Amino acid sequence: MQRRIFCFWTGNNPLSDRRRANLAALRAGTGVEVVLVTPRNLHDFLPATQLHPAYVHLNLAHRSDYLRCYFMRRYGGGYSDIKRSTHNWQQYFDEIEANPQLWVVGYPEIGPGGIANLYSVSRQLGTPWAATAQAWLSRKWLQAHWRRLIGCGAYICRPGTPLLEAWWAEINLRLDRLLPALQAAPARYPRERAGEVHDGAISAYPVPWTYLNGAILQPLFLRHVRHLSQTLPTPEFSDYL
């Protein structure tokens, strides 16, 4: 596992001034290499033939969700949203390297409101009533244990762990199921969500916002909580777009 942090910018649109400043802060403060993965260099890490066929139809945020899963499973190391963080990460790489039973070093979850709304996701997908009820209960259970969880916006991962293997299997299963709907209604805007109005038309984009990230990761974090550390400093969540 190399000491580097991956960030993703999955479209051809330019980074905003704030994103550029946040990326510069990460590079200046974390003490390790920060790799920005873009469409220009993506295939240096992930061959085009290995991309899920749904990838090209995803909005740019969901492309990032997919890529962070692949990169953490394949390469390990750090991941961060392009949010401001000035803390040195060397000691957290030391921490995970020193303990084979430690799989992920992250920051503490911010609160019960940070838990993915599994109930809303289930309703958007049109799942049967029993599954939707179970999703509601699952979210309540996760919210009851939020203090034991880590956030989904920055972490260091040991590659190839059962947690990451489970994330990879589930994200591919979900994309397999969504592929026909994505082909019929691909994202046309970077952060598109179903029900939004663009150019006078209501979006039918079928992927719920947290479906490929927190809705998978947070239940896995709780299942494998003994392999987590909450020592990573929390990134800044305000004024990052």
Protein backbone atom coordinates (compact mmCIF):
# COMPACT_ATOMS: atom_id res chain seq x y z
CA MET A 1 0.00 0.00 0.00
CA GLN A 2 1.53 3.26 -1.13
CA ARG A 3 1.22 6.39 0.95
CA ARG A 4 -0.94 8.44 -1.35
CA ILE A 5 -4.42 9.93 -1.37
CA PHE A 6 -6.71 9.55 -4.37
CA CYS A 7 -9.20 12.27 -5.31
CA PHE A 8 -11.56 12.02 -8.27
CA TRP A 9 -12.84 14.55 -10.80
CA THR A 10 -14.78 12.44 -13.24
CA GLY A 11 -15.99 14.95 -15.83
CA ASN A 12 -14.36 17.17 -18.39
CA ASN A 13 -15.72 20.28 -16.67
CA PRO A 14 -13.05 22.39 -14.91
CA LEU A 15 -12.59 22.38 -11.17
CA SER A 16 -14.09 25.40 -9.45
CA ASP A 17 -11.74 27.87 -7.77
CA ARG A 18 -12.80 26.49 -4.38
CA ARG A 19 -12.08 22.91 -5.43
CA ARG A 20 -8.67 23.95 -6.73
CA ALA A 21 -7.89 25.64 -3.42
CA ASN A 22 -9.03 22.58 -1.48
CA LEU A 23 -6.88 20.30 -3.63
CA ALA A 24 -3.89 22.58 -3.07
CA ALA A 25 -4.52 22.46 0.70
CA LEU A 26 -4.61 18.66 0.62
CA ARG A 27 -1.33 18.54 -1.29
CA ALA A 28 0.35 21.06 0.98
CA GLY A 29 -0.87 19.72 4.31
CA THR A 30 -1.28 15.94 4.25
CA GLY A 31 2.40 15.08 3.86
CA VAL A 32 1.76 12.40 1.22
CA GLU A 33 1.24 12.32 -2.53
CA VAL A 34 -2.24 13.42 -3.62
CA VAL A 35 -3.31 11.94 -6.97
CA LEU A 36 -6.16 13.63 -8.82
CA VAL A 37 -7.77 11.03 -11.09
CA THR A 38 -9.53 12.55 -14.10
CA PRO A 39 -10.75 11.17 -17.44
CA ARG A 40 -7.29 12.00 -18.79
CA ASN A 41 -5.37 9.62 -16.50
CA LEU A 42 -8.09 7.22 -15.31
CA HIS A 43 -7.02 4.39 -17.58
CA ASP A 44 -3.48 4.51 -16.20
CA PHE A 45 -5.06 2.91 -13.12
CA LEU A 46 -8.19 1.18 -14.40
CA PRO A 47 -8.26 -0.30 -17.93
CA ALA A 48 -11.27 0.80 -19.96
CA THR A 49 -12.22 -2.84 -20.50
CA GLN A 50 -12.68 -3.28 -16.73
CA LEU A 51 -15.10 -0.38 -16.24
CA HIS A 52 -18.67 -1.40 -15.54
CA PRO A 53 -20.81 -0.66 -18.62
CA ALA A 54 -23.08 1.50 -16.45
CA TYR A 55 -20.22 3.89 -15.65
CA VAL A 56 -20.65 6.12 -18.68
CA HIS A 57 -24.33 6.65 -17.82
CA LEU A 58 -23.74 7.72 -14.19
CA ASN A 59 -23.72 11.28 -12.97
CA LEU A 60 -20.26 12.56 -12.02
CA ALA A 61 -20.76 12.07 -8.27
CA HIS A 62 -21.79 8.45 -8.74
CA ARG A 63 -18.81 7.85 -11.02
CA SER A 64 -16.64 8.97 -8.11
CA ASP A 65 -18.46 6.58 -5.77
CA TYR A 66 -17.71 3.70 -8.13
CA LEU A 67 -14.07 4.68 -8.63
CA ARG A 68 -13.28 5.12 -4.95
CA CYS A 69 -14.52 1.58 -4.35
CA TYR A 70 -12.35 0.18 -7.16
CA PHE A 71 -9.26 2.14 -6.10
CA MET A 72 -9.50 1.30 -2.41
CA ARG A 73 -10.01 -2.39 -3.17
CA ARG A 74 -7.29 -2.52 -5.81
CA TYR A 75 -4.65 -0.12 -4.47
CA GLY A 76 -5.60 0.84 -0.95
CA GLY A 77 -4.18 3.99 0.59
CA GLY A 78 -6.09 7.19 1.11
CA TYR A 79 -9.23 8.64 -0.40
CA SER A 80 -10.57 12.14 0.12
CA ASP A 81 -13.36 14.23 -1.27
CA ILE A 82 -11.98 17.47 -2.66
CA LYS A 83 -12.65 19.24 0.61
CA ARG A 84 -10.20 21.33 2.62
CA SER A 85 -7.98 19.41 5.04
CA THR A 86 -4.66 20.69 6.35
CA HIS A 87 -3.79 17.82 8.71
CA ASN A 88 -0.77 15.61 8.11
CA TRP A 89 -1.84 12.02 7.33
CA GLN A 90 1.50 10.29 7.96
CA GLN A 91 0.62 9.15 11.48
CA TYR A 92 -2.64 7.61 10.25
CA PHE A 93 -0.79 5.64 7.60
CA ASP A 94 1.55 4.56 10.42
CA GLU A 95 -1.49 3.45 12.41
CA ILE A 96 -3.01 1.23 9.73
CA GLU A 97 0.32 -0.24 8.66
CA ALA A 98 1.17 -1.20 12.24
CA ASN A 99 -2.04 -3.17 12.85
CA PRO A 100 -3.10 -5.92 10.41
CA GLN A 101 -6.53 -6.05 12.07
CA LEU A 102 -7.17 -2.40 11.21
CA TRP A 103 -8.87 -2.13 7.81
CA VAL A 104 -10.01 1.49 7.63
CA VAL A 105 -8.90 4.69 9.36
CA GLY A 106 -11.51 7.41 9.05
CA TYR A 107 -13.04 10.38 10.84
CA PRO A 108 -16.01 10.05 13.23
CA GLU A 109 -19.44 10.14 11.60
CA ILE A 110 -20.89 13.64 12.00
CA GLY A 111 -24.22 12.60 13.52
CA PRO A 112 -27.42 10.64 12.90
CA GLY A 113 -28.27 12.98 10.03
CA GLY A 114 -25.16 11.78 8.23
CA ILE A 115 -26.62 8.28 7.86
CA ALA A 116 -27.84 7.43 4.36
CA ASN A 117 -31.62 7.46 4.13
CA LEU A 118 -32.11 3.81 3.24
CA TYR A 119 -35.89 4.24 3.48
CA SER A 120 -35.93 7.03 0.90
CA VAL A 121 -33.60 5.02 -1.34
CA SER A 122 -35.90 2.02 -1.14
CA ARG A 123 -38.96 4.10 -1.98
CA GLN A 124 -37.23 5.72 -4.95
CA LEU A 125 -36.31 2.30 -6.30
CA GLY A 126 -39.90 1.10 -5.93
CA THR A 127 -39.00 -1.92 -3.83
CA PRO A 128 -41.76 -4.02 -2.24
CA TRP A 129 -43.35 -2.85 1.00
CA ALA A 130 -41.58 -5.40 3.20
CA ALA A 131 -38.15 -4.41 1.87
CA THR A 132 -38.96 -0.72 2.33
CA ALA A 133 -40.02 -1.35 5.92
CA GLN A 134 -36.76 -3.22 6.53
CA ALA A 135 -34.83 -0.30 5.05
CA TRP A 136 -36.54 2.05 7.52
CA LEU A 137 -35.59 -0.20 10.42
CA SER A 138 -32.02 -0.56 9.15
CA ARG A 139 -31.57 3.19 9.01
CA LYS A 140 -32.89 3.58 12.54
CA TRP A 141 -30.43 0.93 13.72
CA LEU A 142 -27.52 2.69 12.00
CA GLN A 143 -28.58 6.03 13.47
CA ALA A 144 -28.69 4.48 16.94
CA HIS A 145 -25.03 3.45 16.48
CA TRP A 146 -23.73 6.47 14.55
CA ARG A 147 -21.08 7.23 17.19
CA ARG A 148 -19.33 3.96 16.32
CA LEU A 149 -19.16 4.72 12.60
CA ILE A 150 -16.78 6.66 10.37
CA GLY A 151 -17.70 9.12 7.66
CA CYS A 152 -17.67 8.40 3.94
CA GLY A 153 -15.76 11.47 2.75
CA ALA A 154 -12.14 10.60 3.65
CA TYR A 155 -10.34 7.50 4.85
CA ILE A 156 -7.33 5.23 4.52
CA CYS A 157 -8.05 1.64 3.50
CA ARG A 158 -6.10 -1.58 3.62
CA PRO A 159 -6.69 -3.13 0.17
CA GLY A 160 -8.44 -6.43 -0.38
CA THR A 161 -10.21 -6.69 2.98
CA PRO A 162 -13.58 -8.47 3.35
CA LEU A 163 -15.20 -5.06 3.84
CA LEU A 164 -13.93 -3.77 0.50
CA GLU A 165 -14.68 -7.04 -1.26
CA ALA A 166 -18.26 -6.81 -0.02
CA TRP A 167 -18.55 -3.18 -1.18
CA TRP A 168 -17.20 -4.08 -4.62
CA ALA A 169 -19.55 -7.04 -5.01
CA GLU A 170 -22.58 -4.99 -3.95
CA ILE A 171 -21.79 -1.94 -6.06
CA ASN A 172 -21.46 -4.12 -9.16
CA LEU A 173 -24.67 -5.98 -8.34
CA ARG A 174 -26.55 -2.69 -8.02
CA LEU A 175 -25.13 -1.37 -11.28
CA ASP A 176 -26.04 -4.61 -13.04
CA ARG A 177 -29.64 -4.16 -11.93
CA LEU A 178 -29.74 -0.48 -12.86
CA LEU A 179 -28.06 -0.79 -16.25
CA PRO A 180 -31.25 -0.99 -18.38
CA ALA A 181 -32.77 2.00 -16.59
CA LEU A 182 -29.51 3.94 -16.88
CA GLN A 183 -29.31 3.22 -20.59
CA ALA A 184 -32.86 4.57 -20.94
CA ALA A 185 -32.26 7.64 -18.76
CA PRO A 186 -28.55 8.45 -18.43
CA ALA A 187 -27.37 11.43 -16.42
CA ARG A 188 -27.02 14.60 -18.46
CA TYR A 189 -25.85 16.89 -15.65
CA PRO A 190 -22.96 16.51 -13.16
CA ARG A 191 -25.02 16.08 -9.96
CA GLU A 192 -28.34 15.07 -11.51
CA ARG A 193 -31.05 13.50 -9.34
CA ALA A 194 -34.38 11.94 -10.21
CA GLY A 195 -37.27 14.39 -10.17
CA GLU A 196 -35.19 17.47 -10.89
CA VAL A 197 -36.29 19.67 -13.77
CA HIS A 198 -33.71 20.34 -16.47
CA ASP A 199 -34.57 22.24 -19.64
CA GLY A 200 -38.25 21.84 -18.87
CA ALA A 201 -38.09 18.05 -18.47
CA ILE A 202 -38.25 16.01 -15.26
CA SER A 203 -35.21 13.80 -14.82
CA ALA A 204 -35.78 10.04 -14.73
CA TYR A 205 -32.17 9.33 -13.71
CA PRO A 206 -32.62 6.12 -11.69
CA VAL A 207 -29.77 6.08 -9.14
CA PRO A 208 -30.62 7.40 -5.63
CA TRP A 209 -28.03 9.85 -4.32
CA THR A 210 -26.39 7.66 -1.63
CA TYR A 211 -27.09 4.31 -3.30
CA LEU A 212 -23.50 3.49 -4.35
CA ASN A 213 -21.73 5.01 -1.36
CA GLY A 214 -23.17 5.47 2.14
CA ALA A 215 -26.11 3.13 1.57
CA ILE A 216 -23.59 0.32 1.08
CA LEU A 217 -20.67 1.49 3.21
CA GLN A 218 -22.40 2.47 6.43
CA PRO A 219 -23.99 -0.96 7.04
CA LEU A 220 -20.62 -2.52 6.22
CA PHE A 221 -18.84 -0.17 8.62
CA LEU A 222 -21.14 -1.22 11.45
CA ARG A 223 -20.76 -4.91 10.57
CA HIS A 224 -16.95 -4.60 10.69
CA VAL A 225 -16.71 -1.90 13.34
CA ARG A 226 -13.94 -3.68 15.25
CA HIS A 227 -11.69 -3.13 12.22
CA LEU A 228 -12.24 0.65 12.11
CA SER A 229 -10.40 3.58 13.63
CA GLN A 230 -11.94 7.05 14.06
CA THR A 231 -8.66 8.95 14.46
CA LEU A 232 -8.48 10.73 11.08
CA PRO A 233 -9.29 14.46 11.40
CA THR A 234 -12.64 15.54 9.98
CA PRO A 235 -12.46 17.50 6.70
CA GLU A 236 -14.20 20.85 6.33
CA PHE A 237 -17.74 20.42 5.03
CA SER A 238 -18.63 24.07 4.38
CA ASP A 239 -18.04 26.09 1.21
CA TYR A 240 -16.40 23.37 -0.88
CA LEU A 241 -18.23 23.54 -4.23
